[in-house]
Protein backbone atom coordinates (compact mmCIF):
# COMPACT_ATOMS: atom_id res chain seq x y z
CA UNK A 1 -7.93 0.69 -11.87
CA UNK A 2 -4.67 0.68 -9.90
CA UNK A 3 -5.95 -1.79 -7.35
CA UNK A 4 -7.33 -5.33 -7.22
CA UNK A 5 -9.88 -5.46 -4.43
CA UNK A 6 -10.79 -8.55 -2.43
CA UNK A 7 -14.05 -9.72 -3.97
CA UNK A 8 -15.98 -12.95 -3.51
CA UNK A 9 -18.82 -13.71 -5.93
CA UNK A 10 -22.00 -14.58 -4.06
CA UNK A 11 -25.65 -15.18 -4.87
CA UNK A 12 -26.61 -14.30 -1.29
CA UNK A 13 -29.48 -11.87 -1.05
CA UNK A 14 -28.92 -8.54 0.73
CA UNK A 15 -28.74 -8.95 4.48
CA UNK A 16 -31.87 -8.30 6.48
CA UNK A 17 -32.28 -7.11 10.01
CA UNK A 18 -32.13 -9.90 12.55
CA UNK A 19 -33.97 -10.06 15.85
CA UNK A 20 -30.85 -8.77 17.56
CA UNK A 21 -31.75 -5.21 18.43
CA UNK A 22 -28.48 -3.74 19.66
CA UNK A 23 -28.66 -0.04 19.21
CA UNK A 24 -25.48 1.98 18.74
CA UNK A 25 -21.96 1.31 17.47
CA UNK A 26 -19.68 4.33 17.25
CA UNK A 27 -16.26 4.28 15.60
CA UNK A 28 -13.91 7.20 16.07
CA UNK A 29 -10.86 7.39 13.77
CA UNK A 30 -8.08 9.53 15.23
CA UNK A 31 -6.62 10.41 11.83
CA UNK A 32 -2.91 9.63 11.68
CA UNK A 33 -2.54 8.39 15.29
CA UNK A 34 -0.39 5.24 14.74
CA UNK A 35 1.28 3.28 17.48
CA UNK A 36 4.43 1.76 15.93
CA UNK A 37 5.90 0.88 12.54
CA UNK A 38 4.54 -2.19 10.75
CA UNK A 39 6.86 -5.04 9.86
CA UNK A 40 6.79 -3.82 6.25
CA UNK A 41 7.46 -0.15 7.14
CA UNK A 42 10.94 -0.28 5.60
CA UNK A 43 9.31 -0.68 2.16
CA UNK A 44 7.76 2.73 2.69
CA UNK A 45 10.81 4.41 4.27
CA UNK A 46 9.04 4.46 7.61
CA UNK A 47 11.05 2.01 9.73
CA UNK A 48 11.22 3.36 13.28
CA UNK A 49 8.14 5.55 13.09
CA UNK A 50 5.83 5.54 16.11
CA UNK A 51 3.43 8.46 16.25
CA UNK A 52 2.04 7.97 19.77
CA UNK A 53 5.26 6.89 21.41
CA UNK A 54 7.27 9.79 20.00
CA UNK A 55 4.60 12.39 20.78
CA UNK A 56 4.40 11.08 24.35
CA UNK A 57 8.14 11.01 24.88
CA UNK A 58 8.73 14.50 23.40
CA UNK A 59 5.64 16.48 24.43
CA UNK A 60 4.36 14.51 27.48
CA UNK A 61 0.59 14.80 27.01
CA UNK A 62 -1.59 14.03 29.99
CA UNK A 63 -4.11 11.33 28.93
CA UNK A 64 -5.89 9.92 32.02
CA UNK A 65 -9.09 8.86 30.24
CA UNK A 66 -7.32 7.04 27.42
CA UNK A 67 -5.03 5.51 29.98
CA UNK A 68 -7.96 4.19 32.02
CA UNK A 69 -9.40 2.58 28.86
CA UNK A 70 -6.12 0.70 28.31
CA UNK A 71 -4.07 2.80 25.87
CA UNK A 72 -0.94 2.13 27.90
CA UNK A 73 -1.62 -1.60 27.78
CA UNK A 74 -1.31 -1.67 24.01
CA UNK A 75 2.35 -0.62 23.82
CA UNK A 76 4.89 1.24 26.02
CA UNK A 77 4.04 4.99 26.08
CA UNK A 78 5.87 7.45 28.30
CA UNK A 79 3.44 8.94 30.80
CA UNK A 80 0.65 6.47 29.93
CA UNK A 81 1.00 3.54 32.26
CA UNK A 82 -0.74 0.18 31.74
CA UNK A 83 -3.60 -0.43 34.16
CA UNK A 84 -4.60 -3.69 35.87
CA UNK A 85 -8.27 -3.37 34.99
CA UNK A 86 -8.69 -1.48 31.71
CA UNK A 87 -12.19 -0.21 30.96
CA UNK A 88 -11.99 -1.26 27.28
CA UNK A 89 -10.75 -4.10 25.19
CA UNK A 90 -7.36 -3.13 23.77
CA UNK A 91 -5.07 -4.17 20.96
CA UNK A 92 -3.57 -3.14 17.62
CA UNK A 93 -4.49 -3.59 13.99
CA UNK A 94 -2.13 -3.81 10.99
CA UNK A 95 -2.96 -2.78 7.46
CA UNK A 96 -2.93 -5.34 4.69
CA UNK A 97 -3.68 -2.94 1.86
CA UNK A 98 -0.81 -1.40 -0.06
CA UNK A 99 -0.36 2.23 0.83
CA UNK A 100 -0.69 4.45 3.86
CA UNK A 101 -3.34 7.02 2.98
CA UNK A 102 -6.73 7.87 4.44
CA UNK A 103 -8.72 6.26 1.62
CA UNK A 104 -7.01 2.86 1.76
CA UNK A 105 -7.05 2.90 5.58
CA UNK A 106 -10.77 3.68 5.82
CA UNK A 107 -11.65 1.28 3.02
CA UNK A 108 -9.89 -1.55 4.82
CA UNK A 109 -11.63 -0.58 8.07
CA UNK A 110 -14.81 -1.01 6.03
CA UNK A 111 -13.74 -4.44 4.81
CA UNK A 112 -12.15 -3.59 1.40
CA UNK A 113 -8.52 -4.61 0.91
CA UNK A 114 -6.44 -3.13 -1.91
CA UNK A 115 -3.57 -5.01 -3.54
CA UNK A 116 -1.92 -1.94 -4.96
CA UNK A 117 -1.71 1.59 -3.55
CA UNK A 118 -3.50 4.56 -5.00
CA UNK A 119 -1.07 6.62 -7.15
CA UNK A 120 0.75 9.56 -5.67
CA UNK A 121 2.64 12.36 -7.41
CA UNK A 122 5.47 13.83 -5.32
CA UNK A 123 6.80 15.67 -8.41
CA UNK A 124 3.41 16.83 -9.74
CA UNK A 125 1.18 15.26 -12.33
CA UNK A 126 2.64 14.07 -15.64
CA UNK A 127 2.18 16.26 -18.68
CA UNK A 128 -0.37 13.91 -20.31
CA UNK A 129 -2.63 14.14 -17.21
CA UNK A 130 -2.53 17.95 -17.27
CA UNK A 131 -3.22 18.03 -21.02
CA UNK A 132 -6.22 15.76 -20.47
CA UNK A 133 -7.47 18.04 -17.71
CA UNK A 134 -7.19 21.11 -19.95
CA UNK A 135 -9.35 19.37 -22.60
CA UNK A 136 -11.87 17.74 -20.26
CA UNK A 137 -12.46 20.87 -18.19
CA UNK A 138 -12.09 23.35 -21.06
CA UNK A 139 -9.18 25.20 -19.47
CA UNK A 140 -6.44 27.29 -21.13
CA UNK A 141 -3.84 26.43 -18.48
CA UNK A 142 -3.15 25.60 -14.83
CA UNK A 143 -0.80 26.94 -12.20
CA UNK A 144 1.38 25.01 -9.75
CA UNK A 145 1.22 21.31 -10.57
CA UNK A 146 3.42 20.27 -7.66
CA UNK A 147 3.20 18.78 -4.22
CA UNK A 148 2.59 21.61 -1.78
CA UNK A 149 0.78 22.83 1.31
CA UNK A 150 -2.55 24.30 0.28
CA UNK A 151 -2.17 27.50 2.28
CA UNK A 152 1.37 28.00 0.99
CA UNK A 153 0.60 27.49 -2.70
CA UNK A 154 -2.52 29.68 -2.61
CA UNK A 155 -0.53 32.48 -0.94
CA UNK A 156 2.22 32.08 -3.56
CA UNK A 157 0.10 31.74 -6.71
CA UNK A 158 -3.18 33.39 -5.73
CA UNK A 159 -2.42 36.77 -7.29
CA UNK A 160 -1.37 35.11 -10.57
CA UNK A 161 -4.57 33.08 -10.53
CA UNK A 162 -6.63 36.24 -10.09
CA UNK A 163 -4.91 37.73 -13.17
CA UNK A 164 -5.15 34.70 -15.42
CA UNK A 165 -8.12 32.79 -14.15
CA UNK A 166 -6.15 29.55 -14.45
CA UNK A 167 -6.84 27.21 -11.52
CA UNK A 168 -4.13 26.19 -9.08
CA UNK A 169 -3.50 22.43 -9.20
CA UNK A 170 -1.48 20.70 -6.53
CA UNK A 171 -1.15 17.43 -4.65
CA UNK A 172 0.23 16.15 -1.37
CA UNK A 173 1.58 12.95 0.24
CA UNK A 174 -1.94 11.57 -0.16
CA UNK A 175 -3.41 10.25 -3.42
CA UNK A 176 -5.22 13.48 -4.29
CA UNK A 177 -5.58 16.13 -6.96
CA UNK A 178 -6.50 19.42 -5.36
CA UNK A 179 -7.78 22.30 -7.46
CA UNK A 180 -8.06 25.80 -5.96
CA UNK A 181 -9.77 28.91 -7.35
CA UNK A 182 -10.78 32.29 -5.92
CA UNK A 183 -14.56 32.72 -5.62
CA UNK A 184 -14.35 36.24 -7.12
CA UNK A 185 -12.52 34.92 -10.23
CA UNK A 186 -14.10 31.49 -10.74
CA UNK A 187 -17.63 30.74 -9.47
CA UNK A 188 -17.75 27.85 -7.05
CA UNK A 189 -20.07 25.87 -9.34
CA UNK A 190 -17.49 26.19 -12.13
CA UNK A 191 -14.79 24.89 -9.76
CA UNK A 192 -16.99 21.92 -8.93
CA UNK A 193 -17.48 21.25 -12.64
CA UNK A 194 -13.72 21.31 -13.22
CA UNK A 195 -13.21 18.82 -10.40
CA UNK A 196 -16.00 16.57 -11.66
CA UNK A 197 -14.38 16.49 -15.09
CA UNK A 198 -11.06 15.61 -13.48
CA UNK A 199 -12.68 12.83 -11.47
CA UNK A 200 -14.67 11.28 -14.30
CA UNK A 201 -12.41 11.80 -17.29
CA UNK A 202 -8.83 12.38 -16.11
CA UNK A 203 -8.20 10.73 -12.78
CA UNK A 204 -9.16 7.25 -13.89
CA UNK A 205 -7.34 4.00 -14.65
CA UNK A 206 -3.63 4.17 -13.67
CA UNK A 207 -4.09 7.81 -12.59
CA UNK A 208 -7.14 7.04 -10.46
CA UNK A 209 -6.28 9.09 -7.39
CA UNK A 210 -8.32 8.51 -4.27
CA UNK A 211 -9.86 11.98 -4.28
CA UNK A 212 -10.14 15.12 -6.37
CA UNK A 213 -10.70 18.00 -3.96
CA UNK A 214 -12.26 21.41 -4.80
CA UNK A 215 -10.54 24.10 -2.71
CA UNK A 216 -12.28 27.47 -3.11
CA UNK A 217 -10.68 30.47 -1.42
CA UNK A 218 -11.51 34.12 -0.88
CA UNK A 219 -10.03 37.39 0.38
CA UNK A 220 -7.55 40.00 -0.88
CA UNK A 221 -3.98 39.36 -1.98
CA UNK A 222 -1.89 38.75 1.08
CA UNK A 223 -4.86 37.58 3.14
CA UNK A 224 -6.33 34.67 1.22
CA UNK A 225 -8.46 32.22 3.19
CA UNK A 226 -9.61 28.81 2.17
CA UNK A 227 -13.36 28.30 2.47
CA UNK A 228 -13.52 24.94 4.19
CA UNK A 229 -17.31 24.94 4.27
CA UNK A 230 -17.35 25.02 0.47
CA UNK A 231 -14.74 22.36 0.00
CA UNK A 232 -15.99 19.36 -1.91
CA UNK A 233 -14.37 15.94 -2.35
CA UNK A 234 -14.91 13.84 -5.48
CA UNK A 235 -13.85 10.33 -4.45
CA UNK A 236 -13.64 6.98 -6.18
CA UNK A 237 -16.60 4.76 -5.39
CA UNK A 238 -15.50 1.62 -3.56
CA UNK A 239 -15.41 -1.47 -5.80
CA UNK A 240 -17.45 -3.66 -3.43
CA UNK A 241 -19.85 -3.07 -0.54
CA UNK A 242 -18.28 -1.45 2.53
CA UNK A 243 -19.69 -2.48 5.88
CA UNK A 244 -21.90 0.62 6.11
CA UNK A 245 -23.67 -0.35 2.88
CA UNK A 246 -24.38 -3.83 4.35
CA UNK A 247 -25.91 -2.18 7.42
CA UNK A 248 -27.84 0.37 5.41
CA UNK A 249 -29.49 -2.30 3.34
CA UNK A 250 -30.57 -4.02 6.55
CA UNK A 251 -32.36 -0.91 7.69
CA UNK A 252 -29.70 0.21 10.18
CA UNK A 253 -29.14 4.00 10.18
CA UNK A 254 -25.62 4.96 9.09
CA UNK A 255 -24.05 8.34 9.89
CA UNK A 256 -20.71 9.81 8.80
CA UNK A 257 -19.08 12.63 10.79
CA UNK A 258 -16.14 14.47 9.27
CA UNK A 259 -14.55 13.25 6.05
CA UNK A 260 -15.55 9.57 6.24
CA UNK A 261 -18.35 9.75 3.70
CA UNK A 262 -16.10 11.69 1.33
CA UNK A 263 -13.68 8.80 1.28
CA UNK A 264 -16.43 6.46 0.07
CA UNK A 265 -18.07 8.87 -2.38
CA UNK A 266 -21.00 8.85 0.06
CA UNK A 267 -21.65 5.12 -0.47
CA UNK A 268 -23.55 3.53 2.41
CA UNK A 269 -24.31 6.59 4.48
CA UNK A 270 -27.79 7.91 5.21
CA UNK A 271 -26.46 11.09 6.79
CA UNK A 272 -23.10 12.87 6.28
CA UNK A 273 -22.18 15.64 8.69
CA UNK A 274 -19.27 17.83 7.58
CA UNK A 275 -16.93 19.22 10.24
CA UNK A 276 -13.97 21.58 10.26
CA UNK A 277 -12.08 20.52 13.41
CA UNK A 278 -11.82 17.91 16.10
CA UNK A 279 -13.88 20.05 18.48
CA UNK A 280 -16.68 20.36 15.96
CA UNK A 281 -16.47 16.67 15.21
CA UNK A 282 -16.87 15.76 18.88
CA UNK A 283 -19.78 18.22 19.22
CA UNK A 284 -21.59 16.70 16.24
CA UNK A 285 -20.80 13.19 17.43
CA UNK A 286 -22.39 13.87 20.81
CA UNK A 287 -25.45 15.34 19.15
CA UNK A 288 -25.92 12.32 16.88
CA UNK A 289 -25.38 9.86 19.75
CA UNK A 290 -27.94 11.63 21.92
CA UNK A 291 -30.49 11.73 19.10
CA UNK A 292 -30.10 8.04 18.22
CA UNK A 293 -32.88 7.24 20.70
CA UNK A 294 -32.55 3.49 20.61
CA UNK A 295 -32.87 3.11 16.83
CA UNK A 296 -30.09 0.81 15.56
CA UNK A 297 -27.37 3.22 14.38
CA UNK A 298 -23.80 3.00 13.19
CA UNK A 299 -21.85 6.27 13.53
CA UNK A 300 -18.41 6.61 11.96
CA UNK A 301 -16.43 9.72 12.83
CA UNK A 302 -13.03 11.00 11.67
CA UNK A 303 -11.12 13.56 13.77
CA UNK A 304 -8.71 15.08 11.29
CA UNK A 305 -6.73 17.68 13.26
CA UNK A 306 -4.06 15.21 14.37
CA UNK A 307 -3.10 14.53 10.72
CA UNK A 308 -4.05 17.75 8.93
CA UNK A 309 -2.88 20.37 11.41
CA UNK A 310 -0.11 18.68 13.28
CA UNK A 311 1.33 15.52 11.73
CA UNK A 312 1.86 17.00 8.29
CA UNK A 313 3.32 20.13 9.89
CA UNK A 314 5.71 18.32 12.24
CA UNK A 315 4.02 20.05 15.17
CA UNK A 316 4.64 17.69 18.10
CA UNK A 317 3.30 20.09 20.75
CA UNK A 318 0.13 20.71 18.77
CA UNK A 319 -0.37 16.96 18.27
CA UNK A 320 -0.05 16.45 22.05
CA UNK A 321 -2.59 19.24 22.78
CA UNK A 322 -5.02 17.63 20.35
CA UNK A 323 -4.67 14.29 22.15
CA UNK A 324 -5.32 15.97 25.49
CA UNK A 325 -8.40 17.73 24.12
CA UNK A 326 -9.79 14.45 22.86
CA UNK A 327 -9.00 12.82 26.24
CA UNK A 328 -11.03 15.57 27.98
CA UNK A 329 -13.94 14.88 25.65
CA UNK A 330 -14.06 11.16 26.40
CA UNK A 331 -16.23 11.29 29.60
CA UNK A 332 -19.07 12.99 27.69
CA UNK A 333 -18.79 10.53 24.85
CA UNK A 334 -18.84 7.55 27.22
CA UNK A 335 -21.79 8.99 29.09
CA UNK A 336 -23.73 9.28 25.83
CA UNK A 337 -23.32 5.56 25.11
CA UNK A 338 -26.28 3.24 25.84
CA UNK A 339 -25.65 0.26 28.06
CA UNK A 340 -25.51 -2.15 25.14
CA UNK A 341 -23.55 0.19 22.88
CA UNK A 342 -20.03 -0.04 21.62
CA UNK A 343 -17.43 2.70 21.15
CA UNK A 344 -14.35 1.87 19.07
CA UNK A 345 -11.35 4.22 18.95
CA UNK A 346 -8.73 3.56 16.30
CA UNK A 347 -6.78 5.22 13.45
CA UNK A 348 -6.26 4.88 9.69
CA UNK A 349 -2.42 5.19 9.45
CA UNK A 350 0.38 6.95 11.23
CA UNK A 351 1.62 10.53 10.81
CA UNK A 352 4.64 10.77 13.12
CA UNK A 353 5.38 14.50 13.55
CA UNK A 354 8.91 13.65 14.72
CA UNK A 355 9.79 11.65 11.58
CA UNK A 356 11.67 13.14 8.63
CA UNK A 357 9.41 14.66 6.06
CA UNK A 358 5.68 15.38 6.35
CA UNK A 359 4.24 12.20 4.86
CA UNK A 360 2.05 9.58 6.49
CA UNK A 361 3.85 6.72 8.19
CA UNK A 362 3.20 2.99 7.72
CA UNK A 363 2.14 2.03 11.26
CA UNK A 364 -0.07 -0.33 13.13
CA UNK A 365 -2.99 1.50 14.75
CA UNK A 366 -4.34 1.37 18.29
CA UNK A 367 -7.68 -0.21 19.00
CA UNK A 368 -9.89 0.40 22.07
CA UNK A 369 -13.42 -0.97 22.24
CA UNK A 370 -15.67 0.14 25.10
CA UNK A 371 -18.65 -2.11 25.88
CA UNK A 372 -18.93 -5.82 26.46
CA UNK A 373 -16.00 -7.76 27.91
CA UNK A 374 -12.66 -6.07 28.50
CA UNK A 375 -9.31 -7.64 27.72
CA UNK A 376 -6.43 -8.04 25.30
CA UNK A 377 -7.52 -8.60 21.67
CA UNK A 378 -3.91 -8.79 20.47
CA UNK A 379 -2.49 -7.77 17.11
CA UNK A 380 -5.19 -8.02 14.47
CA UNK A 381 -4.01 -9.20 11.06
CA UNK A 382 -6.14 -6.61 9.12
CA UNK A 383 -8.10 -3.42 9.64
CA UNK A 384 -11.00 -5.39 8.16
CA UNK A 385 -11.53 -7.01 11.56
CA UNK A 386 -13.29 -3.74 12.39
CA UNK A 387 -15.83 -4.28 9.63
CA UNK A 388 -16.47 -7.84 10.79
CA UNK A 389 -16.96 -6.67 14.40
CA UNK A 390 -19.45 -3.96 13.40
CA UNK A 391 -21.44 -6.34 11.25
CA UNK A 392 -21.56 -9.00 13.95
CA UNK A 393 -22.68 -6.48 16.55
CA UNK A 394 -25.75 -5.71 14.47
CA UNK A 395 -26.31 -9.39 13.63
CA UNK A 396 -25.58 -8.93 9.92
CA UNK A 397 -23.74 -11.17 7.43
CA UNK A 398 -21.10 -9.69 5.14
CA UNK A 399 -18.83 -11.33 2.57
CA UNK A 400 -15.23 -10.21 2.74
CA UNK A 401 -12.04 -10.32 4.74
CA UNK A 402 -11.85 -9.78 8.49
CA UNK A 403 -12.72 -11.67 11.68
CA UNK A 404 -15.01 -10.30 14.39
CA UNK A 405 -13.04 -9.31 17.44
CA UNK A 406 -13.51 -11.50 20.53
CA UNK A 407 -11.67 -10.93 23.78
CA UNK A 408 -9.25 -13.84 24.13
CA UNK A 409 -7.31 -12.97 27.28
CA UNK A 410 -9.06 -11.51 30.32
CA UNK A 411 -7.33 -8.54 31.92
CA UNK A 412 -5.68 -9.41 35.22
């Protein structure tokens, strides 16, 4: 494997529910919404990146709800002023894991730190990898094998794929192998089988990408459309227990909304709700929160539009509109929280749409926690502090890195 996870041998039995009956912890990851380059950003070519600051200074989003929670107290943001009495605890978290992708970011948020980044392939996959794929999946050839936008490469190579039947293989700035086929040429189940072969027999060891993604598409030449509802992710299983597995074993209900469960190969989640947009993610999140009905529940949601639709496409205005839409959704989300609940808002990496290129950016991420005391929680030394905080809220023990977040400085 390309990583060396933090792991501590222990003979401790699986955690059991304590008498502490707190009911609901919700974490919302604003995918790609960083708040300033980390001290090691130069190692990634990302020195000077600052997703939120640059979007605020160039597109001037109006964010009154986030501002009231304390977003402007975390770092200077044009148009988002600090407030004297923020409604949330506020701070930043820095990533210890090597890399700047969604998988490593979410894994560290769950308490798993990686010493080496997942492999990426900006020039396409090496010939030996493709040859192994041909054998493992019983293919005669592939098309593409380059880093590309999915919509662009399908438009460019879709007609050739229809003629030959050879799947389109491509990657991106993330550690992924994406495989696209037309549903009228290759049945979806066959595409899934190809991806499963890639996951289990090809993308292993030094080429163990974070995810292999099946990308079926449909429609006539010139009007191809990806079928997001039939997309399927084949992820690496985490090497040790993420925080949601600890909770699950203690009888606490765990729910994924968006792509979170995909990043963990489903490990630790009782329910996984797929979504296609931020709006759908918020809608499903509200439904799950309202249906929790006092049963101890951990809900982890990812809102992907910031990254997928705007960061990677250098769309500053679109990024700002997505922030405003989330800000407008916040009152309903806060209203759905029980009195003893917690709502954490954070991110998994940066994706500065003003920065050269379309890659993720190595940034610290914002942290807002609604519920309990309010104040400055400072700069956290690892995303794993999130895992420790979630576990402590539910009264559960977990082995691993991270320190539960306690407010150290009262807001003035």
